Protein backbone atom coordinates (compact mmCIF):
# COMPACT_ATOMS: atom_id res chain seq x y z
CA UNK A 1 121.33 91.82 79.02
CA UNK A 2 123.09 89.59 81.51
CA UNK A 3 122.58 85.99 82.53
CA UNK A 4 121.99 85.60 86.26
CA UNK A 5 121.79 82.62 88.60
CA UNK A 6 118.65 82.35 90.72
CA UNK A 7 118.39 80.08 93.73
CA UNK A 8 114.96 78.54 94.30
CA UNK A 9 113.55 75.67 96.31
CA UNK A 10 112.66 72.49 94.46
CA UNK A 11 108.96 73.26 95.00
CA UNK A 12 109.44 76.71 93.48
CA UNK A 13 111.23 75.26 90.45
CA UNK A 14 108.50 72.63 89.99
CA UNK A 15 105.77 75.29 90.22
CA UNK A 16 107.51 77.73 87.86
CA UNK A 17 108.31 74.94 85.39
CA UNK A 18 104.68 73.80 85.33
CA UNK A 19 103.44 77.35 84.77
CA UNK A 20 106.03 77.98 82.06
CA UNK A 21 105.28 74.68 80.32
CA UNK A 22 101.81 76.02 79.54
CA UNK A 23 102.61 79.72 79.32
CA UNK A 24 105.46 79.63 76.81
CA UNK A 25 105.32 78.08 73.35
CA UNK A 26 107.78 77.74 70.51
CA UNK A 27 111.23 76.35 69.91
CA UNK A 28 114.67 77.69 70.85
CA UNK A 29 115.05 81.01 69.13
CA UNK A 30 111.33 81.57 68.62
CA UNK A 31 109.54 81.33 71.97
CA UNK A 32 106.48 83.43 72.77
CA UNK A 33 103.69 83.72 75.31
CA UNK A 34 101.06 81.08 74.55
CA UNK A 35 98.27 82.90 72.66
CA UNK A 36 95.70 80.99 74.73
CA UNK A 37 96.86 82.74 77.91
CA UNK A 38 97.90 86.13 76.46
CA UNK A 39 94.59 87.71 77.60
CA UNK A 40 95.36 86.58 81.17
CA UNK A 41 98.86 88.00 80.95
CA UNK A 42 97.43 91.28 79.66
CA UNK A 43 94.93 91.32 82.55
CA UNK A 44 97.78 90.70 85.00
CA UNK A 45 99.67 93.68 83.59
CA UNK A 46 96.63 95.88 84.27
CA UNK A 47 96.39 94.61 87.87
CA UNK A 48 100.11 95.22 88.42
CA UNK A 49 99.61 98.73 87.02
CA UNK A 50 96.82 99.50 89.49
CA UNK A 51 93.81 98.02 87.72
CA UNK A 52 91.51 95.26 88.88
CA UNK A 53 90.10 91.95 87.64
CA UNK A 54 86.71 90.80 88.88
CA UNK A 55 84.59 87.78 88.05
CA UNK A 56 84.80 84.04 88.41
CA UNK A 57 86.90 81.28 86.90
CA UNK A 58 85.55 79.50 85.02
CA UNK A 59 83.26 82.24 83.94
CA UNK A 60 83.62 85.82 82.85
CA UNK A 61 86.35 88.18 83.95
CA UNK A 62 86.13 91.96 83.77
CA UNK A 63 89.32 93.99 83.68
CA UNK A 64 89.46 97.54 85.01
CA UNK A 65 92.34 99.26 83.26
CA UNK A 66 95.54 100.03 85.12
CA UNK A 67 97.75 103.02 84.49
CA UNK A 68 98.69 103.08 80.82
CA UNK A 69 102.38 103.78 81.49
CA UNK A 70 102.61 100.79 83.84
CA UNK A 71 100.94 98.45 81.33
CA UNK A 72 103.19 99.70 78.54
CA UNK A 73 106.29 99.20 80.70
CA UNK A 74 105.29 95.58 81.40
CA UNK A 75 104.55 94.94 77.72
CA UNK A 76 107.99 96.33 76.87
CA UNK A 77 109.59 94.11 79.52
CA UNK A 78 107.81 91.07 78.04
CA UNK A 79 109.07 91.91 74.55
CA UNK A 80 112.62 92.56 75.76
CA UNK A 81 112.57 89.32 77.76
CA UNK A 82 111.37 87.14 74.89
CA UNK A 83 113.70 88.89 72.41
CA UNK A 84 116.71 88.27 74.67
CA UNK A 85 115.75 84.66 75.40
CA UNK A 86 115.27 84.04 71.69
CA UNK A 87 118.65 85.62 70.88
CA UNK A 88 120.50 83.45 73.41
CA UNK A 89 118.59 80.23 72.74
CA UNK A 90 118.73 80.74 68.97
CA UNK A 91 122.50 81.12 69.12
CA UNK A 92 123.07 77.91 71.08
CA UNK A 93 120.12 76.12 69.38
CA UNK A 94 118.68 74.76 72.61
CA UNK A 95 116.95 76.17 75.68
CA UNK A 96 119.90 77.53 77.64
CA UNK A 97 117.73 80.16 79.31
CA UNK A 98 114.65 79.34 81.40
CA UNK A 99 111.82 80.98 79.51
CA UNK A 100 109.87 83.16 81.87
């Protein structure tokens, strides 16, 4: 794991911050994906792995599965990401790392 600097426009930071404010829950050292949006995150993983989501919002969404290996890789990346963020933020006892 390494900490990296990322340059973004102020609009990009505002957008990402707003998304993350609802997507991530917990306190430094114990953050996680908000359980209320975990199904959407899982659906996104399937789309990124070649699957498809159809339907309407609000309404019902149907997820066509993506490639299993791709979904598993994204789930592993999510776990590694949250584990590393929790390790760093737990050590310093505040949110040093932006939680994506």
